[in-house]
Amino acid sequence: MGLKEKLEQDAIAALKGRESEKVSTLRMVISAIKNEAIAKRKELTEEEVLSVVAREIKKRKESAEAYEKGGRKDLSLAESAEVALLGQYLPEPLSEAELEKMIKEVIQETGAESIKDMGKVIGQVMAKVQGKAEGKVVSEKVRQLLV
């Protein structure tokens, strides 16, 4: 069963269980997946569905931070709860050691030597991690290793 089907089944189960917040969150993600499929004019692959879920999580994290800065603790907590719910659908994140090893391999493969080569290293690393690490974390690690 694919991730999209799992999300749809969980939404139905939450609807039957009268879990309105969960239903709302899952419906928004399913809608985002369908919109992406319409935009691409094809059925999404598992990796594309995963990237949509990761993008939705990123949006909610940014919203939670903005609400926190704006003094809206209640809205920040709601966004954080959605992040926690959607985080269950992402694959297990890479450990710091695994990520560092992968970055070092890509640096060797590309022959990157300075911070100027950071873009091509990050691009290849992000293709390999496929949702198992956030772009911000990858960027920081690459910067550390290339300096």
N, C-alpha and C. Protein backbone atom coordinates (compact mmCIF):
# COMPACT_ATOMS: atom_id res chain seq x y z
N MET A 1 0.85 -1.18 0.00
CA MET A 1 0.00 0.00 0.00
C MET A 1 0.90 1.23 0.00
N GLY A 2 0.56 2.17 -0.87
CA GLY A 2 1.33 3.39 -0.97
C GLY A 2 0.96 4.40 0.11
N LEU A 3 1.75 5.44 0.18
CA LEU A 3 1.54 6.48 1.20
C LEU A 3 0.21 7.19 0.99
N LYS A 4 -0.13 7.47 -0.26
CA LYS A 4 -1.39 8.16 -0.55
C LYS A 4 -2.58 7.33 -0.06
N GLU A 5 -2.55 6.02 -0.34
CA GLU A 5 -3.64 5.14 0.10
C GLU A 5 -3.71 5.07 1.62
N LYS A 6 -2.55 5.04 2.26
CA LYS A 6 -2.51 5.00 3.72
C LYS A 6 -3.13 6.28 4.31
N LEU A 7 -2.79 7.43 3.72
CA LEU A 7 -3.36 8.69 4.18
C LEU A 7 -4.89 8.68 4.03
N GLU A 8 -5.35 8.19 2.89
CA GLU A 8 -6.80 8.14 2.66
C GLU A 8 -7.50 7.20 3.63
N GLN A 9 -6.91 6.04 3.89
CA GLN A 9 -7.50 5.09 4.85
C GLN A 9 -7.52 5.67 6.26
N ASP A 10 -6.43 6.33 6.64
CA ASP A 10 -6.37 6.93 7.97
C ASP A 10 -7.38 8.07 8.11
N ALA A 11 -7.61 8.80 7.02
CA ALA A 11 -8.61 9.88 7.05
C ALA A 11 -10.00 9.30 7.27
N ILE A 12 -10.30 8.19 6.61
CA ILE A 12 -11.60 7.53 6.77
C ILE A 12 -11.75 7.01 8.20
N ALA A 13 -10.69 6.39 8.72
CA ALA A 13 -10.73 5.87 10.09
C ALA A 13 -10.92 7.01 11.10
N ALA A 14 -10.23 8.13 10.86
CA ALA A 14 -10.37 9.28 11.76
C ALA A 14 -11.77 9.87 11.68
N LEU A 15 -12.35 9.86 10.49
CA LEU A 15 -13.70 10.35 10.30
C LEU A 15 -14.70 9.49 11.08
N LYS A 16 -14.50 8.19 11.01
CA LYS A 16 -15.37 7.27 11.75
C LYS A 16 -15.18 7.41 13.25
N GLY A 17 -13.94 7.72 13.65
CA GLY A 17 -13.63 7.89 15.07
C GLY A 17 -13.91 9.29 15.59
N ARG A 18 -14.45 10.14 14.72
CA ARG A 18 -14.81 11.53 15.08
C ARG A 18 -13.61 12.34 15.59
N GLU A 19 -12.48 12.16 14.96
CA GLU A 19 -11.28 12.92 15.30
C GLU A 19 -11.15 14.06 14.28
N SER A 20 -11.84 15.17 14.58
CA SER A 20 -11.98 16.24 13.59
C SER A 20 -10.66 16.89 13.20
N GLU A 21 -9.74 17.09 14.15
CA GLU A 21 -8.46 17.73 13.83
C GLU A 21 -7.65 16.84 12.89
N LYS A 22 -7.64 15.56 13.17
CA LYS A 22 -6.89 14.61 12.34
C LYS A 22 -7.49 14.54 10.94
N VAL A 23 -8.81 14.51 10.87
CA VAL A 23 -9.50 14.46 9.58
C VAL A 23 -9.14 15.71 8.76
N SER A 24 -9.20 16.85 9.40
CA SER A 24 -8.90 18.12 8.72
C SER A 24 -7.48 18.13 8.18
N THR A 25 -6.53 17.73 8.99
CA THR A 25 -5.12 17.72 8.58
C THR A 25 -4.89 16.76 7.43
N LEU A 26 -5.42 15.55 7.55
CA LEU A 26 -5.22 14.55 6.51
C LEU A 26 -5.90 14.96 5.20
N ARG A 27 -7.06 15.58 5.30
CA ARG A 27 -7.74 16.04 4.09
C ARG A 27 -6.93 17.12 3.38
N MET A 28 -6.30 18.02 4.15
CA MET A 28 -5.48 19.07 3.53
C MET A 28 -4.30 18.46 2.79
N VAL A 29 -3.67 17.45 3.37
CA VAL A 29 -2.52 16.81 2.73
C VAL A 29 -2.96 16.04 1.49
N ILE A 30 -4.06 15.31 1.59
CA ILE A 30 -4.58 14.56 0.44
C ILE A 30 -4.92 15.53 -0.69
N SER A 31 -5.50 16.66 -0.33
CA SER A 31 -5.83 17.68 -1.32
C SER A 31 -4.56 18.22 -1.99
N ALA A 32 -3.52 18.46 -1.20
CA ALA A 32 -2.25 18.95 -1.76
C ALA A 32 -1.66 17.92 -2.72
N ILE A 33 -1.78 16.64 -2.38
CA ILE A 33 -1.28 15.57 -3.25
C ILE A 33 -2.06 15.56 -4.56
N LYS A 34 -3.39 15.68 -4.46
CA LYS A 34 -4.21 15.68 -5.67
C LYS A 34 -3.92 16.91 -6.53
N ASN A 35 -3.72 18.05 -5.91
CA ASN A 35 -3.40 19.26 -6.66
C ASN A 35 -2.07 19.12 -7.39
N GLU A 36 -1.10 18.51 -6.73
CA GLU A 36 0.20 18.28 -7.35
C GLU A 36 0.06 17.34 -8.55
N ALA A 37 -0.76 16.32 -8.41
CA ALA A 37 -1.00 15.37 -9.51
C ALA A 37 -1.67 16.08 -10.69
N ILE A 38 -2.60 16.96 -10.40
CA ILE A 38 -3.27 17.71 -11.45
C ILE A 38 -2.28 18.63 -12.15
N ALA A 39 -1.44 19.29 -11.37
CA ALA A 39 -0.45 20.20 -11.94
C ALA A 39 0.54 19.46 -12.84
N LYS A 40 0.92 18.26 -12.45
CA LYS A 40 1.88 17.49 -13.24
C LYS A 40 1.20 16.66 -14.34
N ARG A 41 -0.13 16.60 -14.29
CA ARG A 41 -0.93 15.86 -15.27
C ARG A 41 -0.56 14.38 -15.34
N LYS A 42 -0.25 13.83 -14.18
CA LYS A 42 0.05 12.40 -14.10
C LYS A 42 -0.09 11.96 -12.65
N GLU A 43 -0.18 10.67 -12.47
CA GLU A 43 -0.23 10.11 -11.12
C GLU A 43 1.14 10.28 -10.48
N LEU A 44 1.18 10.67 -9.21
CA LEU A 44 2.45 10.90 -8.54
C LEU A 44 3.12 9.60 -8.13
N THR A 45 4.44 9.59 -8.18
CA THR A 45 5.20 8.45 -7.68
C THR A 45 5.24 8.53 -6.16
N GLU A 46 5.70 7.47 -5.55
CA GLU A 46 5.80 7.43 -4.08
C GLU A 46 6.72 8.54 -3.57
N GLU A 47 7.84 8.79 -4.28
CA GLU A 47 8.78 9.84 -3.87
C GLU A 47 8.14 11.22 -3.96
N GLU A 48 7.33 11.43 -5.00
CA GLU A 48 6.66 12.72 -5.16
C GLU A 48 5.61 12.94 -4.07
N VAL A 49 4.89 11.88 -3.72
CA VAL A 49 3.91 11.98 -2.63
C VAL A 49 4.64 12.30 -1.33
N LEU A 50 5.77 11.65 -1.11
CA LEU A 50 6.57 11.89 0.08
C LEU A 50 7.04 13.34 0.13
N SER A 51 7.45 13.88 -1.01
CA SER A 51 7.92 15.27 -1.03
C SER A 51 6.78 16.24 -0.75
N VAL A 52 5.57 15.92 -1.19
CA VAL A 52 4.42 16.77 -0.90
C VAL A 52 4.14 16.78 0.61
N VAL A 53 4.19 15.60 1.22
CA VAL A 53 3.96 15.52 2.67
C VAL A 53 5.05 16.31 3.41
N ALA A 54 6.30 16.16 2.98
CA ALA A 54 7.40 16.90 3.62
C ALA A 54 7.21 18.40 3.45
N ARG A 55 6.75 18.83 2.29
CA ARG A 55 6.52 20.25 2.04
C ARG A 55 5.41 20.78 2.95
N GLU A 56 4.36 19.99 3.13
CA GLU A 56 3.26 20.39 4.01
C GLU A 56 3.74 20.51 5.46
N ILE A 57 4.61 19.60 5.86
CA ILE A 57 5.17 19.67 7.22
C ILE A 57 5.99 20.94 7.37
N LYS A 58 6.79 21.24 6.37
CA LYS A 58 7.63 22.45 6.41
C LYS A 58 6.76 23.70 6.52
N LYS A 59 5.67 23.76 5.77
CA LYS A 59 4.76 24.91 5.84
C LYS A 59 4.22 25.08 7.25
N ARG A 60 3.84 23.97 7.86
CA ARG A 60 3.25 24.05 9.20
C ARG A 60 4.29 24.44 10.25
N LYS A 61 5.52 23.98 10.09
CA LYS A 61 6.58 24.38 11.02
C LYS A 61 6.82 25.88 10.93
N GLU A 62 6.85 26.41 9.71
CA GLU A 62 7.05 27.84 9.53
C GLU A 62 5.89 28.64 10.11
N SER A 63 4.67 28.13 9.92
CA SER A 63 3.50 28.80 10.48
C SER A 63 3.55 28.80 12.01
N ALA A 64 3.94 27.67 12.58
CA ALA A 64 4.02 27.57 14.04
C ALA A 64 5.02 28.59 14.58
N GLU A 65 6.17 28.73 13.91
CA GLU A 65 7.17 29.71 14.34
C GLU A 65 6.62 31.13 14.23
N ALA A 66 5.91 31.42 13.15
CA ALA A 66 5.34 32.75 12.96
C ALA A 66 4.30 33.05 14.03
N TYR A 67 3.45 32.08 14.33
CA TYR A 67 2.44 32.27 15.38
C TYR A 67 3.11 32.48 16.73
N GLU A 68 4.18 31.74 16.98
CA GLU A 68 4.91 31.85 18.24
C GLU A 68 5.47 33.27 18.39
N LYS A 69 6.06 33.78 17.33
CA LYS A 69 6.62 35.15 17.35
C LYS A 69 5.53 36.19 17.51
N GLY A 70 4.36 35.87 16.96
CA GLY A 70 3.24 36.80 17.04
C GLY A 70 2.46 36.71 18.34
N GLY A 71 2.89 35.83 19.23
CA GLY A 71 2.23 35.71 20.52
C GLY A 71 0.95 34.90 20.49
N ARG A 72 0.75 34.10 19.46
CA ARG A 72 -0.44 33.26 19.36
C ARG A 72 -0.09 31.82 19.69
N LYS A 73 0.06 31.55 20.96
CA LYS A 73 0.46 30.23 21.45
C LYS A 73 -0.53 29.15 21.02
N ASP A 74 -1.82 29.46 21.06
CA ASP A 74 -2.85 28.48 20.71
C ASP A 74 -2.72 28.02 19.27
N LEU A 75 -2.53 28.94 18.35
CA LEU A 75 -2.39 28.57 16.94
C LEU A 75 -1.07 27.85 16.69
N SER A 76 -0.04 28.26 17.42
CA SER A 76 1.27 27.61 17.29
C SER A 76 1.17 26.15 17.73
N LEU A 77 0.47 25.89 18.82
CA LEU A 77 0.29 24.53 19.30
C LEU A 77 -0.51 23.68 18.30
N ALA A 78 -1.52 24.28 17.67
CA ALA A 78 -2.32 23.55 16.69
C ALA A 78 -1.46 23.16 15.49
N GLU A 79 -0.62 24.08 15.01
CA GLU A 79 0.26 23.79 13.88
C GLU A 79 1.27 22.71 14.27
N SER A 80 1.79 22.80 15.48
CA SER A 80 2.77 21.81 15.95
C SER A 80 2.14 20.42 16.05
N ALA A 81 0.88 20.36 16.44
CA ALA A 81 0.17 19.08 16.51
C ALA A 81 0.02 18.49 15.10
N GLU A 82 -0.23 19.35 14.11
CA GLU A 82 -0.33 18.87 12.73
C GLU A 82 1.02 18.35 12.24
N VAL A 83 2.10 19.03 12.62
CA VAL A 83 3.45 18.59 12.25
C VAL A 83 3.70 17.20 12.83
N ALA A 84 3.34 17.00 14.08
CA ALA A 84 3.54 15.71 14.74
C ALA A 84 2.73 14.62 14.05
N LEU A 85 1.50 14.93 13.68
CA LEU A 85 0.65 13.96 13.00
C LEU A 85 1.23 13.57 11.65
N LEU A 86 1.61 14.56 10.85
CA LEU A 86 2.14 14.29 9.51
C LEU A 86 3.52 13.66 9.56
N GLY A 87 4.27 13.93 10.61
CA GLY A 87 5.60 13.36 10.76
C GLY A 87 5.58 11.84 10.83
N GLN A 88 4.46 11.29 11.25
CA GLN A 88 4.33 9.83 11.33
C GLN A 88 4.37 9.17 9.95
N TYR A 89 4.08 9.94 8.92
CA TYR A 89 4.01 9.38 7.57
C TYR A 89 5.33 9.49 6.81
N LEU A 90 6.30 10.17 7.38
CA LEU A 90 7.62 10.27 6.75
C LEU A 90 8.46 9.08 7.16
N PRO A 91 9.43 8.71 6.32
CA PRO A 91 10.32 7.61 6.71
C PRO A 91 11.20 8.02 7.89
N GLU A 92 11.78 7.04 8.54
CA GLU A 92 12.65 7.29 9.69
C GLU A 92 13.79 8.20 9.25
N PRO A 93 14.02 9.32 9.96
CA PRO A 93 15.09 10.23 9.56
C PRO A 93 16.48 9.60 9.72
N LEU A 94 17.40 10.05 8.90
CA LEU A 94 18.77 9.56 8.98
C LEU A 94 19.43 10.06 10.26
N SER A 95 20.31 9.25 10.82
CA SER A 95 21.07 9.71 11.97
C SER A 95 22.10 10.71 11.48
N GLU A 96 22.66 11.45 12.41
CA GLU A 96 23.65 12.47 12.05
C GLU A 96 24.88 11.82 11.40
N ALA A 97 25.29 10.66 11.92
CA ALA A 97 26.46 9.96 11.38
C ALA A 97 26.19 9.46 9.96
N GLU A 98 25.00 8.91 9.73
CA GLU A 98 24.65 8.42 8.40
C GLU A 98 24.62 9.56 7.38
N LEU A 99 24.04 10.69 7.80
CA LEU A 99 23.96 11.84 6.93
C LEU A 99 25.35 12.37 6.60
N GLU A 100 26.20 12.46 7.60
CA GLU A 100 27.56 12.95 7.39
C GLU A 100 28.33 12.03 6.44
N LYS A 101 28.16 10.73 6.60
CA LYS A 101 28.82 9.76 5.73
C LYS A 101 28.37 9.94 4.29
N MET A 102 27.05 10.11 4.10
CA MET A 102 26.50 10.30 2.77
C MET A 102 27.03 11.58 2.13
N ILE A 103 27.11 12.65 2.90
CA ILE A 103 27.62 13.92 2.39
C ILE A 103 29.08 13.80 1.99
N LYS A 104 29.87 13.12 2.80
CA LYS A 104 31.29 12.93 2.47
C LYS A 104 31.46 12.14 1.17
N GLU A 105 30.60 11.12 0.97
CA GLU A 105 30.65 10.35 -0.27
C GLU A 105 30.35 11.23 -1.48
N VAL A 106 29.32 12.08 -1.35
CA VAL A 106 28.95 12.96 -2.46
C VAL A 106 30.05 13.98 -2.73
N ILE A 107 30.69 14.47 -1.68
CA ILE A 107 31.79 15.43 -1.85
C ILE A 107 32.92 14.77 -2.64
N GLN A 108 33.22 13.51 -2.32
CA GLN A 108 34.26 12.79 -3.05
C GLN A 108 33.85 12.56 -4.50
N GLU A 109 32.61 12.15 -4.72
CA GLU A 109 32.12 11.87 -6.07
C GLU A 109 32.17 13.10 -6.97
N THR A 110 31.77 14.24 -6.40
CA THR A 110 31.71 15.47 -7.19
C THR A 110 33.04 16.20 -7.26
N GLY A 111 33.95 15.85 -6.37
CA GLY A 111 35.24 16.54 -6.34
C GLY A 111 35.12 17.94 -5.76
N ALA A 112 34.10 18.18 -4.96
CA ALA A 112 33.89 19.50 -4.36
C ALA A 112 35.02 19.81 -3.39
N GLU A 113 35.50 21.04 -3.46
CA GLU A 113 36.61 21.44 -2.60
C GLU A 113 36.32 22.65 -1.75
N SER A 114 35.44 23.52 -2.21
CA SER A 114 35.19 24.74 -1.45
C SER A 114 33.69 25.00 -1.32
N ILE A 115 33.38 26.05 -0.63
CA ILE A 115 32.00 26.43 -0.38
C ILE A 115 31.29 26.78 -1.70
N LYS A 116 32.06 27.09 -2.74
CA LYS A 116 31.48 27.41 -4.05
C LYS A 116 30.78 26.20 -4.66
N ASP A 117 31.19 25.01 -4.28
CA ASP A 117 30.61 23.78 -4.81
C ASP A 117 29.42 23.28 -3.97
N MET A 118 29.00 24.07 -3.03
CA MET A 118 27.96 23.67 -2.09
C MET A 118 26.65 23.31 -2.80
N GLY A 119 26.26 24.06 -3.81
CA GLY A 119 24.99 23.83 -4.50
C GLY A 119 24.89 22.46 -5.13
N LYS A 120 25.94 22.05 -5.84
CA LYS A 120 25.85 20.75 -6.51
C LYS A 120 25.91 19.61 -5.48
N VAL A 121 26.61 19.80 -4.38
CA VAL A 121 26.66 18.77 -3.33
C VAL A 121 25.29 18.62 -2.68
N ILE A 122 24.68 19.74 -2.33
CA ILE A 122 23.36 19.69 -1.69
C ILE A 122 22.34 19.05 -2.61
N GLY A 123 22.38 19.40 -3.89
CA GLY A 123 21.44 18.82 -4.85
C GLY A 123 21.51 17.31 -4.90
N GLN A 124 22.73 16.79 -4.95
CA GLN A 124 22.89 15.34 -5.02
C GLN A 124 22.54 14.66 -3.70
N VAL A 125 22.88 15.29 -2.59
CA VAL A 125 22.56 14.71 -1.28
C VAL A 125 21.05 14.66 -1.10
N MET A 126 20.35 15.73 -1.46
CA MET A 126 18.89 15.76 -1.29
C MET A 126 18.22 14.70 -2.16
N ALA A 127 18.78 14.43 -3.32
CA ALA A 127 18.23 13.37 -4.17
C ALA A 127 18.41 12.00 -3.52
N LYS A 128 19.51 11.82 -2.81
CA LYS A 128 19.77 10.53 -2.15
C LYS A 128 18.96 10.34 -0.87
N VAL A 129 18.77 11.39 -0.09
CA VAL A 129 18.09 11.22 1.20
C VAL A 129 16.58 11.07 1.05
N GLN A 130 15.99 11.61 0.01
CA GLN A 130 14.57 11.46 -0.29
C GLN A 130 13.67 11.58 0.94
N GLY A 131 13.66 12.75 1.56
CA GLY A 131 12.75 13.00 2.66
C GLY A 131 13.21 12.49 4.01
N LYS A 132 14.39 11.89 4.07
CA LYS A 132 14.87 11.36 5.35
C LYS A 132 15.69 12.38 6.12
N ALA A 133 15.87 13.58 5.53
CA ALA A 133 16.58 14.67 6.21
C ALA A 133 16.05 15.98 5.66
N GLU A 134 15.98 16.98 6.52
CA GLU A 134 15.52 18.30 6.11
C GLU A 134 16.62 19.02 5.35
N GLY A 135 16.22 19.84 4.41
CA GLY A 135 17.16 20.60 3.61
C GLY A 135 18.03 21.52 4.44
N LYS A 136 17.46 22.10 5.47
CA LYS A 136 18.21 23.01 6.35
C LYS A 136 19.35 22.27 7.05
N VAL A 137 19.07 21.07 7.52
CA VAL A 137 20.09 20.27 8.21
C VAL A 137 21.19 19.86 7.23
N VAL A 138 20.77 19.44 6.03
CA VAL A 138 21.74 19.04 5.01
C VAL A 138 22.64 20.22 4.66
N SER A 139 22.04 21.37 4.48
CA SER A 139 22.79 22.58 4.13
C SER A 139 23.83 22.92 5.20
N GLU A 140 23.45 22.84 6.46
CA GLU A 140 24.38 23.15 7.54
C GLU A 140 25.54 22.16 7.57
N LYS A 141 25.23 20.86 7.40
CA LYS A 141 26.26 19.83 7.42
C LYS A 141 27.22 20.01 6.25
N VAL A 142 26.69 20.28 5.07
CA VAL A 142 27.55 20.48 3.89
C VAL A 142 28.47 21.67 4.11
N ARG A 143 27.92 22.73 4.66
CA ARG A 143 28.72 23.93 4.93
C ARG A 143 29.86 23.61 5.89
N GLN A 144 29.58 22.82 6.93
CA GLN A 144 30.61 22.44 7.90
C GLN A 144 31.71 21.62 7.25
N LEU A 145 31.31 20.70 6.38
CA LEU A 145 32.29 19.78 5.79
C LEU A 145 33.10 20.43 4.67
N LEU A 146 32.57 21.45 4.03
CA LEU A 146 33.29 22.08 2.93
C LEU A 146 34.20 23.23 3.38
N VAL A 147 34.05 23.67 4.58
CA VAL A 147 34.89 24.79 5.05
C VAL A 147 36.28 24.31 5.42
